[in-house]
Amino acid sequence: FDRIRQWLNSNQDDNTRMKAALTYRGFQNRTPLHGILFLCPPLDIIQTFINYAPEAVQMRNRHCYLPIHVACLCGASLEVTQALVNSYPESIKATNDWGSLPLHLASF
């Protein structure tokens, strides 16, 4: 995660670029927050993403997964999961295309 931290640090003074990068929609309508959560990132990186683009926690991918769904599916740390929930409390009640709540995905 060092290269991600480097990029975040080198762009921290450019709010426009940070927001554009962190809300970008790529493959299957994923944001960078969706993507990095597949890798079980440390809290500091997720907190930086949330600080610069808080709306990203409410953005769904192609299959209606919120970032919290990905975090739960991929075994993110409790601290990361809590940061996502704190940023968007309603997310714990959100279902994906298959009707799964984040809690359902955490049990896989």
C-alpha atoms as a PDB file:
ATOM      1  CA  PHE A   1       0.000   0.000   0.000  1.00  0.00           C
ATOM      2  CA  ASP A   2       3.047   2.283   0.022  1.00  0.00           C
ATOM      3  CA  ARG A   3       2.558   3.403  -3.596  1.00  0.00           C
ATOM      4  CA  ILE A   4      -1.072   4.286  -2.897  1.00  0.00           C
ATOM      5  CA  ARG A   5      -0.006   6.303   0.150  1.00  0.00           C
ATOM      6  CA  GLN A   6       2.607   8.079  -1.989  1.00  0.00           C
ATOM      7  CA  TRP A   7       0.014   9.021  -4.595  1.00  0.00           C
ATOM      8  CA  LEU A   8      -2.441  10.223  -1.949  1.00  0.00           C
ATOM      9  CA  ASN A   9       0.252  12.294  -0.240  1.00  0.00           C
ATOM     10  CA  SER A  10       1.525  13.821  -3.471  1.00  0.00           C
ATOM     11  CA  ASN A  11      -2.006  14.903  -4.455  1.00  0.00           C
ATOM     12  CA  GLN A  12      -3.373  15.943  -1.076  1.00  0.00           C
ATOM     13  CA  ASP A  13      -3.383  19.636  -2.005  1.00  0.00           C
ATOM     14  CA  ASP A  14      -5.418  19.102  -5.166  1.00  0.00           C
ATOM     15  CA  ASN A  15      -8.974  18.471  -3.967  1.00  0.00           C
ATOM     16  CA  THR A  16     -10.399  18.480  -7.479  1.00  0.00           C
ATOM     17  CA  ARG A  17      -8.003  15.807  -8.698  1.00  0.00           C
ATOM     18  CA  MET A  18      -8.490  13.699  -5.573  1.00  0.00           C
ATOM     19  CA  LYS A  19     -12.281  13.798  -5.824  1.00  0.00           C
ATOM     20  CA  ALA A  20     -12.194  13.001  -9.554  1.00  0.00           C
ATOM     21  CA  ALA A  21      -9.826  10.090  -9.015  1.00  0.00           C
ATOM     22  CA  LEU A  22     -11.660   8.650  -6.023  1.00  0.00           C
ATOM     23  CA  THR A  23     -15.106   8.808  -7.633  1.00  0.00           C
ATOM     24  CA  TYR A  24     -13.985   7.517 -11.048  1.00  0.00           C
ATOM     25  CA  ARG A  25     -16.119   4.639 -12.370  1.00  0.00           C
ATOM     26  CA  GLY A  26     -14.174   1.839 -14.009  1.00  0.00           C
ATOM     27  CA  PHE A  27     -14.701  -1.853 -14.757  1.00  0.00           C
ATOM     28  CA  GLN A  28     -18.189  -2.989 -13.744  1.00  0.00           C
ATOM     29  CA  ASN A  29     -18.904   0.531 -12.512  1.00  0.00           C
ATOM     30  CA  ARG A  30     -16.458   0.106  -9.619  1.00  0.00           C
ATOM     31  CA  THR A  31     -14.887   3.059  -7.869  1.00  0.00           C
ATOM     32  CA  PRO A  32     -11.334   2.963  -6.513  1.00  0.00           C
ATOM     33  CA  LEU A  33     -12.893   2.395  -3.076  1.00  0.00           C
ATOM     34  CA  HIS A  34     -14.569  -0.784  -4.338  1.00  0.00           C
ATOM     35  CA  GLY A  35     -11.310  -1.891  -5.906  1.00  0.00           C
ATOM     36  CA  ILE A  36      -9.042  -1.322  -2.949  1.00  0.00           C
ATOM     37  CA  LEU A  37     -11.430  -3.041  -0.550  1.00  0.00           C
ATOM     38  CA  PHE A  38     -10.805  -6.300  -2.427  1.00  0.00           C
ATOM     39  CA  LEU A  39      -7.239  -6.057  -1.065  1.00  0.00           C
ATOM     40  CA  CYS A  40      -8.133  -5.558   2.640  1.00  0.00           C
ATOM     41  CA  PRO A  41      -6.416  -2.170   2.954  1.00  0.00           C
ATOM     42  CA  PRO A  42      -5.340  -0.495   6.178  1.00  0.00           C
ATOM     43  CA  LEU A  43      -7.590   2.046   7.849  1.00  0.00           C
ATOM     44  CA  ASP A  44      -5.461   5.094   7.042  1.00  0.00           C
ATOM     45  CA  ILE A  45      -5.948   4.642   3.309  1.00  0.00           C
ATOM     46  CA  ILE A  46      -9.694   4.103   3.591  1.00  0.00           C
ATOM     47  CA  GLN A  47     -10.021   7.105   5.878  1.00  0.00           C
ATOM     48  CA  THR A  48      -8.190   9.250   3.325  1.00  0.00           C
ATOM     49  CA  PHE A  49     -10.517   8.032   0.560  1.00  0.00           C
ATOM     50  CA  ILE A  50     -13.538   8.888   2.726  1.00  0.00           C
ATOM     51  CA  ASN A  51     -12.157  12.297   3.709  1.00  0.00           C
ATOM     52  CA  TYR A  52     -11.654  13.396   0.092  1.00  0.00           C
ATOM     53  CA  ALA A  53     -14.695  11.710  -1.475  1.00  0.00           C
ATOM     54  CA  PRO A  54     -17.293  10.865   1.190  1.00  0.00           C
ATOM     55  CA  GLU A  55     -19.889  10.230  -1.509  1.00  0.00           C
ATOM     56  CA  ALA A  56     -17.883   7.191  -2.662  1.00  0.00           C
ATOM     57  CA  VAL A  57     -19.240   5.118   0.243  1.00  0.00           C
ATOM     58  CA  GLN A  58     -22.713   5.515  -1.297  1.00  0.00           C
ATOM     59  CA  MET A  59     -21.716   4.571  -4.838  1.00  0.00           C
ATOM     60  CA  ARG A  60     -22.860   1.174  -6.110  1.00  0.00           C
ATOM     61  CA  ASN A  61     -21.093  -0.984  -8.660  1.00  0.00           C
ATOM     62  CA  ARG A  62     -22.707  -2.890 -11.528  1.00  0.00           C
ATOM     63  CA  HIS A  63     -24.249  -5.451  -9.174  1.00  0.00           C
ATOM     64  CA  CYS A  64     -25.417  -2.854  -6.640  1.00  0.00           C
ATOM     65  CA  TYR A  65     -22.595  -3.565  -4.215  1.00  0.00           C
ATOM     66  CA  LEU A  66     -21.751  -0.649  -1.986  1.00  0.00           C
ATOM     67  CA  PRO A  67     -18.178  -0.491  -0.676  1.00  0.00           C
ATOM     68  CA  ILE A  68     -19.435  -2.000   2.616  1.00  0.00           C
ATOM     69  CA  HIS A  69     -20.582  -5.107   0.705  1.00  0.00           C
ATOM     70  CA  VAL A  70     -17.091  -5.544  -0.737  1.00  0.00           C
ATOM     71  CA  ALA A  71     -15.467  -4.947   2.648  1.00  0.00           C
ATOM     72  CA  CYS A  72     -17.630  -7.591   4.284  1.00  0.00           C
ATOM     73  CA  LEU A  73     -17.180 -10.074   1.436  1.00  0.00           C
ATOM     74  CA  CYS A  74     -13.392  -9.711   1.414  1.00  0.00           C
ATOM     75  CA  GLY A  75     -12.817  -9.781   5.174  1.00  0.00           C
ATOM     76  CA  ALA A  76     -11.836  -6.174   5.782  1.00  0.00           C
ATOM     77  CA  SER A  77     -10.722  -5.302   9.288  1.00  0.00           C
ATOM     78  CA  LEU A  78     -13.265  -4.272  11.879  1.00  0.00           C
ATOM     79  CA  GLU A  79     -11.781  -0.744  11.873  1.00  0.00           C
ATOM     80  CA  VAL A  80     -12.199  -0.378   8.103  1.00  0.00           C
ATOM     81  CA  THR A  81     -15.725  -1.776   8.234  1.00  0.00           C
ATOM     82  CA  GLN A  82     -16.629   0.580  11.077  1.00  0.00           C
ATOM     83  CA  ALA A  83     -15.240   3.586   9.182  1.00  0.00           C
ATOM     84  CA  LEU A  84     -17.468   2.722   6.214  1.00  0.00           C
ATOM     85  CA  VAL A  85     -20.522   2.265   8.439  1.00  0.00           C
ATOM     86  CA  ASN A  86     -19.829   5.513  10.298  1.00  0.00           C
ATOM     87  CA  SER A  87     -19.640   7.331   6.959  1.00  0.00           C
ATOM     88  CA  TYR A  88     -22.905   5.844   5.679  1.00  0.00           C
ATOM     89  CA  PRO A  89     -24.922   4.187   8.473  1.00  0.00           C
ATOM     90  CA  GLU A  90     -27.803   3.278   6.138  1.00  0.00           C
ATOM     91  CA  SER A  91     -25.435   0.999   4.213  1.00  0.00           C
ATOM     92  CA  ILE A  92     -25.943  -1.847   6.677  1.00  0.00           C
ATOM     93  CA  LYS A  93     -29.542  -2.144   5.424  1.00  0.00           C
ATOM     94  CA  ALA A  94     -28.669  -1.975   1.717  1.00  0.00           C
ATOM     95  CA  THR A  95     -29.040  -5.046  -0.472  1.00  0.00           C
ATOM     96  CA  ASN A  96     -27.160  -5.924  -3.641  1.00  0.00           C
ATOM     97  CA  ASP A  97     -28.695  -7.383  -6.819  1.00  0.00           C
ATOM     98  CA  TRP A  98     -29.068 -10.775  -5.121  1.00  0.00           C
ATOM     99  CA  GLY A  99     -30.790  -9.383  -2.040  1.00  0.00           C
ATOM    100  CA  SER A 100     -27.742  -9.777   0.182  1.00  0.00           C
ATOM    101  CA  LEU A 101     -27.023  -7.400   3.034  1.00  0.00           C
ATOM    102  CA  PRO A 102     -23.405  -6.699   4.003  1.00  0.00           C
ATOM    103  CA  LEU A 103     -23.929  -9.023   6.990  1.00  0.00           C
ATOM    104  CA  HIS A 104     -24.817 -11.898   4.653  1.00  0.00           C
ATOM    105  CA  LEU A 105     -21.571 -11.399   2.737  1.00  0.00           C
ATOM    106  CA  ALA A 106     -19.509 -11.289   5.920  1.00  0.00           C
ATOM    107  CA  SER A 107     -20.582 -14.845   6.674  1.00  0.00           C
ATOM    108  CA  PHE A 108     -18.986 -16.336   3.512  1.00  0.00           C
END
